N, C-alpha and C. Protein backbone atom coordinates (compact mmCIF):
# COMPACT_ATOMS: atom_id res chain seq x y z
N UNK A 1 84.25 -14.74 44.84
CA UNK A 1 83.46 -15.52 45.77
C UNK A 1 83.71 -15.01 47.19
N UNK A 2 82.64 -14.90 47.94
CA UNK A 2 82.77 -14.37 49.30
C UNK A 2 83.24 -15.44 50.27
N UNK A 3 83.76 -14.99 51.38
CA UNK A 3 84.24 -15.89 52.42
C UNK A 3 83.06 -16.56 53.11
N UNK A 4 83.12 -17.88 53.37
CA UNK A 4 82.01 -18.54 54.06
C UNK A 4 81.78 -17.93 55.43
N UNK A 5 80.51 -17.90 55.82
CA UNK A 5 80.18 -17.34 57.13
C UNK A 5 80.67 -18.25 58.25
N UNK A 6 80.81 -17.68 59.42
CA UNK A 6 81.26 -18.45 60.58
C UNK A 6 80.20 -19.48 60.93
N UNK A 7 78.93 -19.12 60.80
CA UNK A 7 77.84 -20.04 61.12
C UNK A 7 77.93 -21.29 60.25
N UNK A 8 78.10 -21.13 58.95
CA UNK A 8 78.16 -22.26 58.04
C UNK A 8 79.35 -23.17 58.37
N UNK A 9 80.47 -22.59 58.71
CA UNK A 9 81.65 -23.36 59.06
C UNK A 9 81.42 -24.19 60.32
N UNK A 10 80.79 -23.59 61.32
CA UNK A 10 80.53 -24.29 62.57
C UNK A 10 79.53 -25.42 62.39
N UNK A 11 78.48 -25.20 61.61
CA UNK A 11 77.49 -26.25 61.39
C UNK A 11 78.10 -27.38 60.55
N UNK A 12 78.93 -27.03 59.60
CA UNK A 12 79.61 -28.07 58.81
C UNK A 12 80.51 -28.92 59.71
N UNK A 13 81.14 -28.30 60.68
CA UNK A 13 81.98 -29.06 61.63
C UNK A 13 81.13 -30.01 62.47
N UNK A 14 79.93 -29.58 62.86
CA UNK A 14 79.03 -30.47 63.59
C UNK A 14 78.66 -31.69 62.76
N UNK A 15 78.38 -31.45 61.49
CA UNK A 15 77.99 -32.54 60.59
C UNK A 15 79.16 -33.51 60.38
N UNK A 16 80.34 -32.97 60.15
CA UNK A 16 81.51 -33.82 59.94
C UNK A 16 81.90 -34.56 61.21
N UNK A 17 81.52 -34.02 62.37
CA UNK A 17 81.78 -34.68 63.65
C UNK A 17 80.69 -35.65 64.05
N UNK A 18 79.79 -35.97 63.12
CA UNK A 18 78.69 -36.92 63.33
C UNK A 18 77.72 -36.48 64.42
N UNK A 19 77.50 -35.19 64.56
CA UNK A 19 76.53 -34.67 65.51
C UNK A 19 75.37 -34.06 64.72
N UNK A 20 74.63 -34.93 64.01
CA UNK A 20 73.58 -34.48 63.11
C UNK A 20 72.43 -33.80 63.85
N UNK A 21 72.11 -34.27 65.05
CA UNK A 21 70.99 -33.67 65.79
C UNK A 21 71.28 -32.21 66.14
N UNK A 22 72.48 -31.91 66.57
CA UNK A 22 72.84 -30.53 66.87
C UNK A 22 72.86 -29.69 65.59
N UNK A 23 73.32 -30.27 64.50
CA UNK A 23 73.34 -29.56 63.22
C UNK A 23 71.91 -29.25 62.75
N UNK A 24 71.01 -30.21 62.90
CA UNK A 24 69.61 -29.98 62.51
C UNK A 24 68.99 -28.87 63.35
N UNK A 25 69.29 -28.84 64.63
CA UNK A 25 68.77 -27.78 65.50
C UNK A 25 69.29 -26.41 65.05
N UNK A 26 70.54 -26.34 64.67
CA UNK A 26 71.12 -25.08 64.19
C UNK A 26 70.52 -24.66 62.85
N UNK A 27 70.26 -25.64 61.99
CA UNK A 27 69.69 -25.34 60.68
C UNK A 27 68.28 -24.77 60.83
N UNK A 28 67.54 -25.25 61.81
CA UNK A 28 66.18 -24.75 62.03
C UNK A 28 66.15 -23.29 62.48
N UNK A 29 67.25 -22.81 63.04
CA UNK A 29 67.32 -21.41 63.47
C UNK A 29 68.38 -20.64 62.67
N UNK A 30 68.56 -21.03 61.44
CA UNK A 30 69.57 -20.41 60.58
C UNK A 30 69.30 -18.92 60.42
N UNK A 31 70.36 -18.11 60.44
CA UNK A 31 70.18 -16.66 60.37
C UNK A 31 69.66 -16.15 59.03
N UNK A 32 70.23 -16.64 57.92
CA UNK A 32 69.82 -16.13 56.60
C UNK A 32 69.86 -17.23 55.56
N UNK A 33 69.23 -16.96 54.44
CA UNK A 33 69.26 -17.88 53.31
C UNK A 33 70.69 -18.01 52.79
N UNK A 34 71.42 -16.91 52.78
CA UNK A 34 72.81 -16.93 52.29
C UNK A 34 73.67 -17.90 53.10
N UNK A 35 73.47 -17.92 54.43
CA UNK A 35 74.22 -18.84 55.27
C UNK A 35 73.88 -20.28 54.94
N UNK A 36 72.63 -20.57 54.71
CA UNK A 36 72.22 -21.93 54.35
C UNK A 36 72.79 -22.33 52.99
N UNK A 37 72.79 -21.41 52.05
CA UNK A 37 73.35 -21.71 50.74
C UNK A 37 74.86 -21.96 50.83
N UNK A 38 75.55 -21.21 51.69
CA UNK A 38 76.99 -21.44 51.87
C UNK A 38 77.23 -22.80 52.52
N UNK A 39 76.39 -23.17 53.47
CA UNK A 39 76.51 -24.47 54.11
C UNK A 39 76.32 -25.58 53.09
N UNK A 40 75.28 -25.46 52.26
CA UNK A 40 75.05 -26.47 51.22
C UNK A 40 76.21 -26.55 50.25
N UNK A 41 76.79 -25.40 49.88
CA UNK A 41 77.92 -25.40 48.96
C UNK A 41 79.13 -26.09 49.58
N UNK A 42 79.38 -25.83 50.86
CA UNK A 42 80.51 -26.46 51.54
C UNK A 42 80.32 -27.97 51.63
N UNK A 43 79.11 -28.41 51.95
CA UNK A 43 78.86 -29.84 52.09
C UNK A 43 78.82 -30.55 50.74
N UNK A 44 78.38 -29.87 49.71
CA UNK A 44 78.36 -30.46 48.37
C UNK A 44 79.78 -30.62 47.85
N UNK A 45 80.64 -29.66 48.14
CA UNK A 45 82.01 -29.70 47.64
C UNK A 45 82.79 -30.90 48.17
N UNK A 46 82.54 -31.28 49.44
CA UNK A 46 83.28 -32.42 49.98
C UNK A 46 82.47 -33.71 50.01
N UNK A 47 81.25 -33.70 49.47
CA UNK A 47 80.45 -34.91 49.37
C UNK A 47 79.67 -35.28 50.63
N UNK A 48 79.68 -34.44 51.64
CA UNK A 48 78.98 -34.74 52.88
C UNK A 48 77.47 -34.64 52.74
N UNK A 49 77.00 -33.80 51.84
CA UNK A 49 75.56 -33.60 51.69
C UNK A 49 74.87 -34.86 51.17
N UNK A 50 75.52 -35.58 50.29
CA UNK A 50 74.94 -36.81 49.75
C UNK A 50 74.82 -37.89 50.82
N UNK A 51 75.71 -37.87 51.80
CA UNK A 51 75.70 -38.89 52.85
C UNK A 51 74.69 -38.59 53.95
N UNK A 52 74.23 -37.34 54.05
CA UNK A 52 73.30 -36.94 55.11
C UNK A 52 71.99 -36.45 54.49
N UNK A 53 71.08 -37.36 54.27
CA UNK A 53 69.81 -37.05 53.61
C UNK A 53 68.97 -36.07 54.43
N UNK A 54 68.93 -36.24 55.75
CA UNK A 54 68.13 -35.36 56.60
C UNK A 54 68.65 -33.93 56.59
N UNK A 55 69.95 -33.78 56.55
CA UNK A 55 70.55 -32.45 56.49
C UNK A 55 70.19 -31.79 55.16
N UNK A 56 70.23 -32.56 54.09
CA UNK A 56 69.87 -32.06 52.76
C UNK A 56 68.43 -31.55 52.76
N UNK A 57 67.51 -32.35 53.28
CA UNK A 57 66.10 -31.96 53.32
C UNK A 57 65.87 -30.76 54.22
N UNK A 58 66.52 -30.74 55.37
CA UNK A 58 66.34 -29.63 56.32
C UNK A 58 66.83 -28.31 55.74
N UNK A 59 67.97 -28.34 55.05
CA UNK A 59 68.48 -27.09 54.48
C UNK A 59 67.57 -26.59 53.37
N UNK A 60 67.06 -27.49 52.55
CA UNK A 60 66.14 -27.08 51.48
C UNK A 60 64.84 -26.52 52.07
N UNK A 61 64.32 -27.15 53.11
CA UNK A 61 63.10 -26.67 53.76
C UNK A 61 63.30 -25.29 54.36
N UNK A 62 64.43 -25.06 55.02
CA UNK A 62 64.69 -23.77 55.64
C UNK A 62 64.93 -22.68 54.60
N UNK A 63 65.58 -23.02 53.50
CA UNK A 63 65.76 -22.03 52.42
C UNK A 63 64.40 -21.61 51.90
N UNK A 64 63.51 -22.57 51.71
CA UNK A 64 62.15 -22.26 51.24
C UNK A 64 61.41 -21.41 52.26
N UNK A 65 61.51 -21.77 53.53
CA UNK A 65 60.80 -21.03 54.57
C UNK A 65 61.32 -19.60 54.71
N UNK A 66 62.62 -19.42 54.66
CA UNK A 66 63.19 -18.08 54.80
C UNK A 66 63.02 -17.23 53.55
N UNK A 67 62.84 -17.87 52.40
CA UNK A 67 62.67 -17.13 51.15
C UNK A 67 61.24 -16.67 50.94
N UNK A 68 60.29 -17.34 51.57
CA UNK A 68 58.88 -17.03 51.38
C UNK A 68 58.55 -15.67 52.00
N UNK A 69 57.65 -14.94 51.36
CA UNK A 69 57.24 -13.66 51.95
C UNK A 69 56.44 -13.90 53.22
N UNK A 70 56.59 -13.03 54.17
CA UNK A 70 55.88 -13.17 55.43
C UNK A 70 54.47 -12.59 55.27
N UNK A 71 53.46 -13.40 55.57
CA UNK A 71 52.09 -12.93 55.49
C UNK A 71 51.70 -12.15 56.73
N UNK A 72 52.28 -12.51 57.85
CA UNK A 72 51.95 -11.84 59.10
C UNK A 72 53.19 -11.75 59.97
N UNK A 73 53.41 -10.60 60.50
CA UNK A 73 54.53 -10.40 61.42
C UNK A 73 53.96 -10.00 62.77
N UNK A 74 54.44 -10.63 63.77
CA UNK A 74 53.96 -10.27 65.11
C UNK A 74 54.53 -8.91 65.50
N UNK A 75 53.81 -8.19 66.33
CA UNK A 75 54.24 -6.83 66.69
C UNK A 75 55.48 -6.79 67.53
């Protein structure tokens, strides 16, 4: 198993510190799908994901958005 990314660790700390709005903003600009999956794994392991419904939905939405093929790329 690979080491969790720094991004996932920092966002998890925001969530555990009850700063959900800042965590949601970071999730919307997540660097990669892998980082989001690591964040979900970290939050699932300690039970935080079940307590934060909006974080759960936002991570799933961003994974879907980042996984989808791009139809148009700006120049």
